Amino acid sequence: MRVLFIGGTGTISASVSRLAVQQGIELWHLNRGQRGITIPGVKTITADINEEKQVAAALAGHSFDSIVNWIVAYPEQIERDIRLFSGITGQYIFISSASVYQKPATSHLITESTPLANPFWEYARNKIASEERLLREYRERGFPAVIVRPSLTYGDSLIPLAITSWGKSYTLVERIRRGAEIIVPGDGTSLWTTTHADDFARGMVGLLGHQQSIGHAFHITSDEVLSWDQHYLEVGRAIGVEPKIVHLTSDFIKHFAPWEEGSLHGDKAPSAVFDNSKIKRFVPGFNAQVTWAKGVRRSMAWFEAVPGRIAIDTEAEALWDRMIAAHRKAFI
């Protein structure tokens, strides 16, 4: 099988790339070659996907069983991909996001038929519009579209939590270690699912070239469900320190950090428990194997293996301290 990834060296796509090569897939990456990441066994086409003529020239004479675009965010990029890839692939996979689902969900389980709506987050609304454009092209012209929706998927270089520094995610570990207070949204009891990229890869690789998947949408997540408090407490267990948790409402957090509205109200504040029955039907044997306890320890070990990887976000810490001080003052 011959597969092309647009991108392919990100946190999620690198894990999928490694597994695809292990399974004997002839994998190509199309990217600008600027990240300095090499995955053995992958062939590279150097081009900028945002330069349509350049990409068309680079792909002349190529055809693929599947093309996956890991970096589409807007409907106009879907339009470009339809022009570029019509006729040269038997399957086109759009990486969307589970943030497209209406939250709070009207059922305790989120399935692929859960309504799509997110008034809080423009990112999610653009993903919804992209899905709608892609499915219209499938219905009207037979474009071989498949939609995949990850949810808070992480790899060794990221420690993902509800309130954290995304660029310097070890910051929270260090803060817990020295006994500083940490913020958890709500009362900490909302249920959430974090998924390791290696587990996501097991489902994703099974969809590559899968002709029965065309026209369908899938989410691929872990089946492990933990509260937000449990996520943070597990970080504490990993370093042997009890976290000092301060619960703040999402509205209170948004007052100090308006950019968090989409990520909280539109995604992480409500409970999100996913029914993975559909991906398991299409990819028999798919099963997530990396628990949060294992995954977060892997990530911490990755940071700690090279001192230069540990960076502390002092600006984020100062903001968190202001939030906590304001919260405490309100109750004096």
C-alpha atoms as a PDB file:
ATOM      1  CA  MET A   1       0.000   0.000   0.000  1.00  0.00           C
ATOM      2  CA  ARG A   2       1.262   3.471  -0.940  1.00  0.00           C
ATOM      3  CA  VAL A   3       0.333   6.320   1.424  1.00  0.00           C
ATOM      4  CA  LEU A   4       1.073  10.054   1.515  1.00  0.00           C
ATOM      5  CA  PHE A   5       1.006  12.157   4.693  1.00  0.00           C
ATOM      6  CA  ILE A   6       0.812  15.923   4.412  1.00  0.00           C
ATOM      7  CA  GLY A   7       2.938  16.790   7.418  1.00  0.00           C
ATOM      8  CA  GLY A   8       3.778  13.577   9.205  1.00  0.00           C
ATOM      9  CA  THR A   9       6.298  14.722  11.809  1.00  0.00           C
ATOM     10  CA  GLY A  10       3.984  16.124  14.490  1.00  0.00           C
ATOM     11  CA  THR A  11       3.237  14.574  17.872  1.00  0.00           C
ATOM     12  CA  ILE A  12       0.435  12.344  16.578  1.00  0.00           C
ATOM     13  CA  SER A  13       1.472  11.885  12.964  1.00  0.00           C
ATOM     14  CA  ALA A  14       5.012  10.785  13.857  1.00  0.00           C
ATOM     15  CA  SER A  15       3.619   7.899  15.926  1.00  0.00           C
ATOM     16  CA  VAL A  16       1.318   6.929  13.064  1.00  0.00           C
ATOM     17  CA  SER A  17       4.232   7.197  10.609  1.00  0.00           C
ATOM     18  CA  ARG A  18       6.436   4.866  12.655  1.00  0.00           C
ATOM     19  CA  LEU A  19       3.696   2.235  12.973  1.00  0.00           C
ATOM     20  CA  ALA A  20       2.790   2.468   9.273  1.00  0.00           C
ATOM     21  CA  VAL A  21       6.408   1.804   8.275  1.00  0.00           C
ATOM     22  CA  GLN A  22       6.607  -1.098  10.749  1.00  0.00           C
ATOM     23  CA  GLN A  23       3.580  -2.643   9.070  1.00  0.00           C
ATOM     24  CA  GLY A  24       5.184  -2.491   5.632  1.00  0.00           C
ATOM     25  CA  ILE A  25       3.331   0.502   4.208  1.00  0.00           C
ATOM     26  CA  GLU A  26       5.210   2.525   1.594  1.00  0.00           C
ATOM     27  CA  LEU A  27       4.916   5.862   3.327  1.00  0.00           C
ATOM     28  CA  TRP A  28       5.674   9.272   1.851  1.00  0.00           C
ATOM     29  CA  HIS A  29       5.721  12.619   3.634  1.00  0.00           C
ATOM     30  CA  LEU A  30       5.072  15.914   1.901  1.00  0.00           C
ATOM     31  CA  ASN A  31       6.327  18.825   3.987  1.00  0.00           C
ATOM     32  CA  ARG A  32       8.795  21.701   3.990  1.00  0.00           C
ATOM     33  CA  GLY A  33      11.486  19.655   5.715  1.00  0.00           C
ATOM     34  CA  GLN A  34      12.050  22.313   8.372  1.00  0.00           C
ATOM     35  CA  ARG A  35      11.409  20.351  11.574  1.00  0.00           C
ATOM     36  CA  GLY A  36      14.584  18.292  11.364  1.00  0.00           C
ATOM     37  CA  ILE A  37      12.740  15.075  12.252  1.00  0.00           C
ATOM     38  CA  THR A  38      13.659  11.941  10.318  1.00  0.00           C
ATOM     39  CA  ILE A  39      11.578   8.760  10.531  1.00  0.00           C
ATOM     40  CA  PRO A  40      13.465   5.765   9.090  1.00  0.00           C
ATOM     41  CA  GLY A  41      11.740   4.194   6.115  1.00  0.00           C
ATOM     42  CA  VAL A  42       9.748   7.287   5.105  1.00  0.00           C
ATOM     43  CA  LYS A  43      10.256   8.837   1.671  1.00  0.00           C
ATOM     44  CA  THR A  44      10.019  12.614   1.473  1.00  0.00           C
ATOM     45  CA  ILE A  45       8.643  15.085  -1.050  1.00  0.00           C
ATOM     46  CA  THR A  46       9.785  18.578  -0.147  1.00  0.00           C
ATOM     47  CA  ALA A  47       7.072  21.123  -0.867  1.00  0.00           C
ATOM     48  CA  ASP A  48       4.869  23.648   0.920  1.00  0.00           C
ATOM     49  CA  ILE A  49       1.228  22.497   0.938  1.00  0.00           C
ATOM     50  CA  ASN A  50       0.191  26.173   0.958  1.00  0.00           C
ATOM     51  CA  GLU A  51       1.818  26.618  -2.464  1.00  0.00           C
ATOM     52  CA  GLU A  52      -0.694  24.782  -4.636  1.00  0.00           C
ATOM     53  CA  LYS A  53       1.189  24.972  -7.944  1.00  0.00           C
ATOM     54  CA  GLN A  54       4.390  23.804  -6.270  1.00  0.00           C
ATOM     55  CA  VAL A  55       2.612  20.798  -4.763  1.00  0.00           C
ATOM     56  CA  ALA A  56       0.856  19.928  -8.021  1.00  0.00           C
ATOM     57  CA  ALA A  57       4.223  19.871  -9.796  1.00  0.00           C
ATOM     58  CA  ALA A  58       5.827  17.805  -7.022  1.00  0.00           C
ATOM     59  CA  LEU A  59       3.040  15.199  -7.193  1.00  0.00           C
ATOM     60  CA  ALA A  60       2.950  14.914 -10.980  1.00  0.00           C
ATOM     61  CA  GLY A  61       3.002  11.233 -11.902  1.00  0.00           C
ATOM     62  CA  HIS A  62       2.299  10.073  -8.321  1.00  0.00           C
ATOM     63  CA  SER A  63      -0.741   8.168  -7.098  1.00  0.00           C
ATOM     64  CA  PHE A  64      -1.575   6.854  -3.634  1.00  0.00           C
ATOM     65  CA  ASP A  65      -3.941   4.412  -2.000  1.00  0.00           C
ATOM     66  CA  SER A  66      -4.474   6.939   0.770  1.00  0.00           C
ATOM     67  CA  ILE A  67      -3.614  10.576   1.458  1.00  0.00           C
ATOM     68  CA  VAL A  68      -3.833  11.996   4.992  1.00  0.00           C
ATOM     69  CA  ASN A  69      -3.646  15.723   5.606  1.00  0.00           C
ATOM     70  CA  TRP A  70      -2.621  16.336   9.217  1.00  0.00           C
ATOM     71  CA  ILE A  71      -2.583  20.131   9.027  1.00  0.00           C
ATOM     72  CA  VAL A  72      -5.922  21.279   7.594  1.00  0.00           C
ATOM     73  CA  ALA A  73      -7.714  23.891   9.698  1.00  0.00           C
ATOM     74  CA  TYR A  74     -10.012  25.794   7.302  1.00  0.00           C
ATOM     75  CA  PRO A  75     -12.631  24.969   4.636  1.00  0.00           C
ATOM     76  CA  GLU A  76     -10.627  26.791   1.950  1.00  0.00           C
ATOM     77  CA  GLN A  77      -7.797  24.331   2.567  1.00  0.00           C
ATOM     78  CA  ILE A  78     -10.256  21.518   1.912  1.00  0.00           C
ATOM     79  CA  GLU A  79     -11.111  23.189  -1.405  1.00  0.00           C
ATOM     80  CA  ARG A  80      -7.407  23.204  -2.287  1.00  0.00           C
ATOM     81  CA  ASP A  81      -6.994  19.546  -1.333  1.00  0.00           C
ATOM     82  CA  ILE A  82      -9.973  18.537  -3.440  1.00  0.00           C
ATOM     83  CA  ARG A  83      -8.319  20.214  -6.437  1.00  0.00           C
ATOM     84  CA  LEU A  84      -4.913  18.707  -5.723  1.00  0.00           C
ATOM     85  CA  PHE A  85      -5.859  15.137  -4.836  1.00  0.00           C
ATOM     86  CA  SER A  86      -8.945  14.309  -6.913  1.00  0.00           C
ATOM     87  CA  GLY A  87      -8.037  11.421  -9.182  1.00  0.00           C
ATOM     88  CA  ILE A  88      -4.703  10.552  -7.556  1.00  0.00           C
ATOM     89  CA  THR A  89      -5.904   8.799  -4.395  1.00  0.00           C
ATOM     90  CA  GLY A  90      -8.381   6.112  -3.440  1.00  0.00           C
ATOM     91  CA  GLN A  91      -8.908   7.626   0.004  1.00  0.00           C
ATOM     92  CA  TYR A  92      -8.502  11.085   1.538  1.00  0.00           C
ATOM     93  CA  ILE A  93      -8.441  11.334   5.345  1.00  0.00           C
ATOM     94  CA  PHE A  94      -9.137  14.674   7.020  1.00  0.00           C
ATOM     95  CA  ILE A  95      -7.870  15.016  10.580  1.00  0.00           C
ATOM     96  CA  SER A  96     -10.643  16.876  12.375  1.00  0.00           C
ATOM     97  CA  SER A  97     -11.110  17.138  16.157  1.00  0.00           C
ATOM     98  CA  ALA A  98     -13.438  15.738  18.804  1.00  0.00           C
ATOM     99  CA  SER A  99     -13.989  19.340  19.891  1.00  0.00           C
ATOM    100  CA  VAL A 100     -16.548  19.494  17.065  1.00  0.00           C
ATOM    101  CA  TYR A 101     -19.039  17.542  19.185  1.00  0.00           C
ATOM    102  CA  GLN A 102     -21.790  19.392  20.998  1.00  0.00           C
ATOM    103  CA  LYS A 103     -20.915  19.760  24.685  1.00  0.00           C
ATOM    104  CA  PRO A 104     -22.296  19.052  27.094  1.00  0.00           C
ATOM    105  CA  ALA A 105     -23.422  16.023  25.138  1.00  0.00           C
ATOM    106  CA  THR A 106     -27.076  15.016  25.364  1.00  0.00           C
ATOM    107  CA  SER A 107     -26.046  11.434  26.159  1.00  0.00           C
ATOM    108  CA  HIS A 108     -23.470  10.124  28.625  1.00  0.00           C
ATOM    109  CA  LEU A 109     -21.584   8.588  25.680  1.00  0.00           C
ATOM    110  CA  ILE A 110     -20.305  10.532  22.673  1.00  0.00           C
ATOM    111  CA  THR A 111     -20.688   8.658  19.390  1.00  0.00           C
ATOM    112  CA  GLU A 112     -19.937   9.714  15.845  1.00  0.00           C
ATOM    113  CA  SER A 113     -23.600  10.677  15.476  1.00  0.00           C
ATOM    114  CA  THR A 114     -23.471  13.150  18.368  1.00  0.00           C
ATOM    115  CA  PRO A 115     -24.480  16.566  16.925  1.00  0.00           C
ATOM    116  CA  LEU A 116     -21.672  18.871  15.814  1.00  0.00           C
ATOM    117  CA  ALA A 117     -21.847  22.319  17.419  1.00  0.00           C
ATOM    118  CA  ASN A 118     -19.373  24.520  19.258  1.00  0.00           C
ATOM    119  CA  PRO A 119     -20.359  28.161  19.797  1.00  0.00           C
ATOM    120  CA  PHE A 120     -17.350  28.720  22.095  1.00  0.00           C
ATOM    121  CA  TRP A 121     -14.379  27.842  19.881  1.00  0.00           C
ATOM    122  CA  GLU A 122     -13.630  29.124  16.389  1.00  0.00           C
ATOM    123  CA  TYR A 123     -11.094  26.318  15.875  1.00  0.00           C
ATOM    124  CA  ALA A 124     -13.855  23.728  16.267  1.00  0.00           C
ATOM    125  CA  ARG A 125     -16.270  25.670  14.060  1.00  0.00           C
ATOM    126  CA  ASN A 126     -13.694  25.722  11.270  1.00  0.00           C
ATOM    127  CA  LYS A 127     -13.247  21.981  11.629  1.00  0.00           C
ATOM    128  CA  ILE A 128     -17.037  21.513  11.398  1.00  0.00           C
ATOM    129  CA  ALA A 129     -17.208  23.651   8.256  1.00  0.00           C
ATOM    130  CA  SER A 130     -14.319  21.661   6.766  1.00  0.00           C
ATOM    131  CA  GLU A 131     -16.092  18.379   7.487  1.00  0.00           C
ATOM    132  CA  GLU A 132     -19.295  19.649   5.899  1.00  0.00           C
ATOM    133  CA  ARG A 133     -17.503  20.781   2.729  1.00  0.00           C
ATOM    134  CA  LEU A 134     -15.666  17.488   2.438  1.00  0.00           C
ATOM    135  CA  LEU A 135     -18.794  15.379   2.871  1.00  0.00           C
ATOM    136  CA  ARG A 136     -20.639  17.472   0.305  1.00  0.00           C
ATOM    137  CA  GLU A 137     -17.880  16.685  -2.189  1.00  0.00           C
ATOM    138  CA  TYR A 138     -18.205  12.999  -1.304  1.00  0.00           C
ATOM    139  CA  ARG A 139     -21.976  12.996  -1.775  1.00  0.00           C
ATOM    140  CA  GLU A 140     -22.038  15.040  -4.977  1.00  0.00           C
ATOM    141  CA  ARG A 141     -18.875  13.913  -6.782  1.00  0.00           C
ATOM    142  CA  GLY A 142     -17.660  10.792  -5.030  1.00  0.00           C
ATOM    143  CA  PHE A 143     -14.518  12.301  -3.515  1.00  0.00           C
ATOM    144  CA  PRO A 144     -13.191   9.460  -1.281  1.00  0.00           C
ATOM    145  CA  ALA A 145     -13.417  11.323   2.026  1.00  0.00           C
ATOM    146  CA  VAL A 146     -12.895   9.936   5.524  1.00  0.00           C
ATOM    147  CA  ILE A 147     -13.010  12.016   8.728  1.00  0.00           C
ATOM    148  CA  VAL A 148     -10.984  11.186  11.835  1.00  0.00           C
ATOM    149  CA  ARG A 149     -11.494  13.045  15.126  1.00  0.00           C
ATOM    150  CA  PRO A 150      -8.739  12.810  17.766  1.00  0.00           C
ATOM    151  CA  SER A 151      -9.348  14.061  21.304  1.00  0.00           C
ATOM    152  CA  LEU A 152      -6.502  15.394  23.487  1.00  0.00           C
ATOM    153  CA  THR A 153      -3.954  13.009  22.006  1.00  0.00           C
ATOM    154  CA  TYR A 154      -0.413  13.335  23.302  1.00  0.00           C
ATOM    155  CA  GLY A 155       3.053  11.844  22.902  1.00  0.00           C
ATOM    156  CA  ASP A 156       6.209  11.652  24.940  1.00  0.00           C
ATOM    157  CA  SER A 157       7.020  15.340  24.436  1.00  0.00           C
ATOM    158  CA  LEU A 158       3.754  16.598  25.963  1.00  0.00           C
ATOM    159  CA  ILE A 159       2.055  16.383  29.355  1.00  0.00           C
ATOM    160  CA  PRO A 160      -1.542  17.387  28.510  1.00  0.00           C
ATOM    161  CA  LEU A 161      -3.893  18.705  31.184  1.00  0.00           C
ATOM    162  CA  ALA A 162      -6.837  21.100  31.365  1.00  0.00           C
ATOM    163  CA  ILE A 163      -4.898  24.098  32.683  1.00  0.00           C
ATOM    164  CA  THR A 164      -1.230  23.884  31.753  1.00  0.00           C
ATOM    165  CA  SER A 165       1.449  25.508  29.637  1.00  0.00           C
ATOM    166  CA  TRP A 166       1.136  23.830  26.264  1.00  0.00           C
ATOM    167  CA  GLY A 167       4.505  25.031  25.020  1.00  0.00           C
ATOM    168  CA  LYS A 168       6.340  24.142  28.248  1.00  0.00           C
ATOM    169  CA  SER A 169       4.193  21.404  29.734  1.00  0.00           C
ATOM    170  CA  TYR A 170       6.782  20.217  32.277  1.00  0.00           C
ATOM    171  CA  THR A 171       6.038  23.469  34.136  1.00  0.00           C
ATOM    172  CA  LEU A 172       3.136  21.846  35.940  1.00  0.00           C
ATOM    173  CA  VAL A 173       5.264  18.908  37.129  1.00  0.00           C
ATOM    174  CA  GLU A 174       7.827  21.279  38.590  1.00  0.00           C
ATOM    175  CA  ARG A 175       5.086  23.345  40.217  1.00  0.00           C
ATOM    176  CA  ILE A 176       3.638  20.278  41.942  1.00  0.00           C
ATOM    177  CA  ARG A 177       7.102  19.142  42.991  1.00  0.00           C
ATOM    178  CA  ARG A 178       7.832  22.357  44.882  1.00  0.00           C
ATOM    179  CA  GLY A 179       4.407  22.416  46.544  1.00  0.00           C
ATOM    180  CA  ALA A 180       2.882  25.345  44.649  1.00  0.00           C
ATOM    181  CA  GLU A 181      -0.884  25.343  44.153  1.00  0.00           C
ATOM    182  CA  ILE A 182      -2.286  24.221  40.789  1.00  0.00           C
ATOM    183  CA  ILE A 183      -5.574  25.046  39.097  1.00  0.00           C
ATOM    184  CA  VAL A 184      -8.151  22.453  38.086  1.00  0.00           C
ATOM    185  CA  PRO A 185     -11.306  23.721  36.331  1.00  0.00           C
ATOM    186  CA  GLY A 186     -14.716  23.219  37.882  1.00  0.00           C
ATOM    187  CA  ASP A 187     -14.891  20.917  40.892  1.00  0.00           C
ATOM    188  CA  GLY A 188     -12.486  18.416  39.298  1.00  0.00           C
ATOM    189  CA  THR A 189     -15.118  15.710  38.824  1.00  0.00           C
ATOM    190  CA  SER A 190     -15.755  16.146  35.077  1.00  0.00           C
ATOM    191  CA  LEU A 191     -14.783  12.950  33.271  1.00  0.00           C
ATOM    192  CA  TRP A 192     -12.225  13.105  30.514  1.00  0.00           C
ATOM    193  CA  THR A 193     -10.272  10.884  28.149  1.00  0.00           C
ATOM    194  CA  THR A 194      -6.621  11.378  27.243  1.00  0.00           C
ATOM    195  CA  THR A 195      -5.193   9.240  24.441  1.00  0.00           C
ATOM    196  CA  HIS A 196      -1.562   8.383  23.789  1.00  0.00           C
ATOM    197  CA  ALA A 197      -0.426   8.869  20.196  1.00  0.00           C
ATOM    198  CA  ASP A 198       0.799   5.257  20.025  1.00  0.00           C
ATOM    199  CA  ASP A 199      -2.755   4.069  20.778  1.00  0.00           C
ATOM    200  CA  PHE A 200      -4.280   6.489  18.278  1.00  0.00           C
ATOM    201  CA  ALA A 201      -1.850   5.107  15.685  1.00  0.00           C
ATOM    202  CA  ARG A 202      -3.204   1.576  16.100  1.00  0.00           C
ATOM    203  CA  GLY A 203      -6.645   2.688  14.997  1.00  0.00           C
ATOM    204  CA  MET A 204      -5.464   5.151  12.379  1.00  0.00           C
ATOM    205  CA  VAL A 205      -3.157   2.753  10.535  1.00  0.00           C
ATOM    206  CA  GLY A 206      -6.012   0.272  10.361  1.00  0.00           C
ATOM    207  CA  LEU A 207      -8.074   2.832   8.422  1.00  0.00           C
ATOM    208  CA  LEU A 208      -5.401   3.531   5.790  1.00  0.00           C
ATOM    209  CA  GLY A 209      -6.621   2.237   2.442  1.00  0.00           C
ATOM    210  CA  HIS A 210      -9.802   0.850   4.048  1.00  0.00           C
ATOM    211  CA  GLN A 211     -12.368   1.281   1.277  1.00  0.00           C
ATOM    212  CA  GLN A 212     -15.374   0.613   3.512  1.00  0.00           C
ATOM    213  CA  SER A 213     -14.381   3.631   5.611  1.00  0.00           C
ATOM    214  CA  ILE A 214     -15.081   6.114   2.817  1.00  0.00           C
ATOM    215  CA  GLY A 215     -17.882   8.528   3.675  1.00  0.00           C
ATOM    216  CA  HIS A 216     -17.596   7.801   7.394  1.00  0.00           C
ATOM    217  CA  ALA A 217     -16.365   9.732  10.426  1.00  0.00           C
ATOM    218  CA  PHE A 218     -14.491   8.113  13.305  1.00  0.00           C
ATOM    219  CA  HIS A 219     -13.114   9.190  16.631  1.00  0.00           C
ATOM    220  CA  ILE A 220     -10.172   7.202  17.979  1.00  0.00           C
ATOM    221  CA  THR A 221      -9.618   7.498  21.728  1.00  0.00           C
ATOM    222  CA  SER A 222      -8.689   5.524  24.796  1.00  0.00           C
ATOM    223  CA  ASP A 223     -11.443   3.740  26.727  1.00  0.00           C
ATOM    224  CA  GLU A 224      -9.918   4.852  30.026  1.00  0.00           C
ATOM    225  CA  VAL A 225     -11.994   7.570  31.699  1.00  0.00           C
ATOM    226  CA  LEU A 226     -10.667   9.670  34.598  1.00  0.00           C
ATOM    227  CA  SER A 227     -11.828  12.816  36.321  1.00  0.00           C
ATOM    228  CA  TRP A 228      -9.658  15.917  35.947  1.00  0.00           C
ATOM    229  CA  ASP A 229      -8.644  15.611  39.603  1.00  0.00           C
ATOM    230  CA  GLN A 230      -7.498  12.044  38.929  1.00  0.00           C
ATOM    231  CA  HIS A 231      -5.370  13.211  35.994  1.00  0.00           C
ATOM    232  CA  TYR A 232      -3.546  15.747  38.150  1.00  0.00           C
ATOM    233  CA  LEU A 233      -3.269  13.430  41.142  1.00  0.00           C
ATOM    234  CA  GLU A 234      -1.561  10.833  38.946  1.00  0.00           C
ATOM    235  CA  VAL A 235       1.104  13.376  38.034  1.00  0.00           C
ATOM    236  CA  GLY A 236       1.636  13.853  41.762  1.00  0.00           C
ATOM    237  CA  ARG A 237       1.924  10.110  42.343  1.00  0.00           C
ATOM    238  CA  ALA A 238       4.562   9.887  39.638  1.00  0.00           C
ATOM    239  CA  ILE A 239       6.814  12.289  41.566  1.00  0.00           C
ATOM    240  CA  GLY A 240       5.711  11.348  45.065  1.00  0.00           C
ATOM    241  CA  VAL A 241       4.106  14.692  45.931  1.00  0.00           C
ATOM    242  CA  GLU A 242       0.431  15.342  46.722  1.00  0.00           C
ATOM    243  CA  PRO A 243      -0.777  18.146  44.414  1.00  0.00           C
ATOM    244  CA  LYS A 244      -2.305  21.183  46.089  1.00  0.00           C
ATOM    245  CA  ILE A 245      -5.389  21.613  43.932  1.00  0.00           C
ATOM    246  CA  VAL A 246      -7.406  24.814  43.731  1.00  0.00           C
ATOM    247  CA  HIS A 247     -10.748  24.471  41.911  1.00  0.00           C
ATOM    248  CA  LEU A 248     -11.774  27.505  39.854  1.00  0.00           C
ATOM    249  CA  THR A 249     -14.849  27.837  37.653  1.00  0.00           C
ATOM    250  CA  SER A 250     -14.319  28.083  33.917  1.00  0.00           C
ATOM    251  CA  ASP A 251     -15.869  31.556  33.930  1.00  0.00           C
ATOM    252  CA  PHE A 252     -13.424  32.695  36.602  1.00  0.00           C
ATOM    253  CA  ILE A 253     -10.485  31.328  34.590  1.00  0.00           C
ATOM    254  CA  LYS A 254     -11.817  32.974  31.420  1.00  0.00           C
ATOM    255  CA  HIS A 255     -11.899  36.356  33.174  1.00  0.00           C
ATOM    256  CA  PHE A 256      -8.111  36.218  33.561  1.00  0.00           C
ATOM    257  CA  ALA A 257      -7.371  34.208  30.405  1.00  0.00           C
ATOM    258  CA  PRO A 258     -10.039  34.887  27.729  1.00  0.00           C
ATOM    259  CA  TRP A 259      -8.277  32.567  25.263  1.00  0.00           C
ATOM    260  CA  GLU A 260      -9.202  29.591  27.478  1.00  0.00           C
ATOM    261  CA  GLU A 261     -12.933  29.913  26.716  1.00  0.00           C
ATOM    262  CA  GLY A 262     -12.853  27.644  23.680  1.00  0.00           C
ATOM    263  CA  SER A 263     -10.626  25.043  25.279  1.00  0.00           C
ATOM    264  CA  LEU A 264     -12.733  24.924  28.461  1.00  0.00           C
ATOM    265  CA  HIS A 265     -16.383  25.731  27.655  1.00  0.00           C
ATOM    266  CA  GLY A 266     -16.035  24.288  24.158  1.00  0.00           C
ATOM    267  CA  ASP A 267     -14.070  21.187  25.054  1.00  0.00           C
ATOM    268  CA  LYS A 268     -12.588  20.225  28.432  1.00  0.00           C
ATOM    269  CA  ALA A 269     -14.990  21.568  31.068  1.00  0.00           C
ATOM    270  CA  PRO A 270     -17.917  19.200  30.352  1.00  0.00           C
ATOM    271  CA  SER A 271     -17.476  15.450  30.720  1.00  0.00           C
ATOM    272  CA  ALA A 272     -16.401  13.696  27.535  1.00  0.00           C
ATOM    273  CA  VAL A 273     -16.641   9.911  27.376  1.00  0.00           C
ATOM    274  CA  PHE A 274     -16.284   8.358  23.929  1.00  0.00           C
ATOM    275  CA  ASP A 275     -17.888   5.235  22.528  1.00  0.00           C
ATOM    276  CA  ASN A 276     -15.201   3.577  20.365  1.00  0.00           C
ATOM    277  CA  SER A 277     -17.457   0.847  19.004  1.00  0.00           C
ATOM    278  CA  LYS A 278     -17.298   2.151  15.445  1.00  0.00           C
ATOM    279  CA  ILE A 279     -13.509   2.204  15.060  1.00  0.00           C
ATOM    280  CA  LYS A 280     -13.402  -1.252  16.660  1.00  0.00           C
ATOM    281  CA  ARG A 281     -15.861  -2.563  14.059  1.00  0.00           C
ATOM    282  CA  PHE A 282     -13.817  -1.184  11.174  1.00  0.00           C
ATOM    283  CA  VAL A 283     -10.424  -2.044  12.690  1.00  0.00           C
ATOM    284  CA  PRO A 284     -10.906  -5.354  14.542  1.00  0.00           C
ATOM    285  CA  GLY A 285      -8.487  -5.754  17.392  1.00  0.00           C
ATOM    286  CA  PHE A 286      -8.033  -2.035  18.003  1.00  0.00           C
ATOM    287  CA  ASN A 287      -7.454  -1.488  21.692  1.00  0.00           C
ATOM    288  CA  ALA A 288      -5.811   1.359  23.561  1.00  0.00           C
ATOM    289  CA  GLN A 289      -2.965   0.026  25.717  1.00  0.00           C
ATOM    290  CA  VAL A 290      -1.244   3.083  27.227  1.00  0.00           C
ATOM    291  CA  THR A 291      -2.991   4.166  30.414  1.00  0.00           C
ATOM    292  CA  TRP A 292      -2.652   7.721  31.699  1.00  0.00           C
ATOM    293  CA  ALA A 293      -0.475   6.435  34.539  1.00  0.00           C
ATOM    294  CA  LYS A 294       1.940   4.855  32.050  1.00  0.00           C
ATOM    295  CA  GLY A 295       1.754   7.634  29.482  1.00  0.00           C
ATOM    296  CA  VAL A 296       2.411  10.544  31.844  1.00  0.00           C
ATOM    297  CA  ARG A 297       5.429   8.741  33.282  1.00  0.00           C
ATOM    298  CA  ARG A 298       6.760   8.170  29.783  1.00  0.00           C
ATOM    299  CA  SER A 299       6.393  11.870  29.041  1.00  0.00           C
ATOM    300  CA  MET A 300       8.101  12.879  32.261  1.00  0.00           C
ATOM    301  CA  ALA A 301      10.977  10.487  31.558  1.00  0.00           C
ATOM    302  CA  TRP A 302      11.364  12.008  28.084  1.00  0.00           C
ATOM    303  CA  PHE A 303      11.712  15.507  29.518  1.00  0.00           C
ATOM    304  CA  GLU A 304      14.037  14.418  32.301  1.00  0.00           C
ATOM    305  CA  ALA A 305      16.341  12.419  30.012  1.00  0.00           C
ATOM    306  CA  VAL A 306      17.777  15.631  28.511  1.00  0.00           C
ATOM    307  CA  PRO A 307      18.085  18.659  30.823  1.00  0.00           C
ATOM    308  CA  GLY A 308      17.569  21.099  27.949  1.00  0.00           C
ATOM    309  CA  ARG A 309      14.061  19.755  27.390  1.00  0.00           C
ATOM    310  CA  ILE A 310      12.852  21.044  30.748  1.00  0.00           C
ATOM    311  CA  ALA A 311      11.674  24.631  30.391  1.00  0.00           C
ATOM    312  CA  ILE A 312       9.515  26.523  32.872  1.00  0.00           C
ATOM    313  CA  ASP A 313       6.831  28.961  31.708  1.00  0.00           C
ATOM    314  CA  THR A 314       7.226  31.770  34.252  1.00  0.00           C
ATOM    315  CA  GLU A 315       4.542  33.913  32.579  1.00  0.00           C
ATOM    316  CA  ALA A 316       1.977  31.131  32.897  1.00  0.00           C
ATOM    317  CA  GLU A 317       2.934  30.587  36.513  1.00  0.00           C
ATOM    318  CA  ALA A 318       2.538  34.284  37.297  1.00  0.00           C
ATOM    319  CA  LEU A 319      -0.932  34.228  35.729  1.00  0.00           C
ATOM    320  CA  TRP A 320      -1.958  31.161  37.725  1.00  0.00           C
ATOM    321  CA  ASP A 321      -0.719  32.802  40.924  1.00  0.00           C
ATOM    322  CA  ARG A 322      -2.844  35.892  40.184  1.00  0.00           C
ATOM    323  CA  MET A 323      -5.915  33.744  39.627  1.00  0.00           C
ATOM    324  CA  ILE A 324      -5.413  31.840  42.860  1.00  0.00           C
ATOM    325  CA  ALA A 325      -4.782  35.041  44.845  1.00  0.00           C
ATOM    326  CA  ALA A 326      -7.931  36.652  43.444  1.00  0.00           C
ATOM    327  CA  HIS A 327      -9.961  33.551  44.238  1.00  0.00           C
ATOM    328  CA  ARG A 328      -8.678  33.469  47.808  1.00  0.00           C
ATOM    329  CA  LYS A 329      -9.329  37.199  48.273  1.00  0.00           C
ATOM    330  CA  ALA A 330     -12.948  36.727  47.228  1.00  0.00           C
ATOM    331  CA  PHE A 331     -13.510  34.415  50.195  1.00  0.00           C
ATOM    332  CA  ILE A 332     -11.809  36.554  52.838  1.00  0.00           C
END
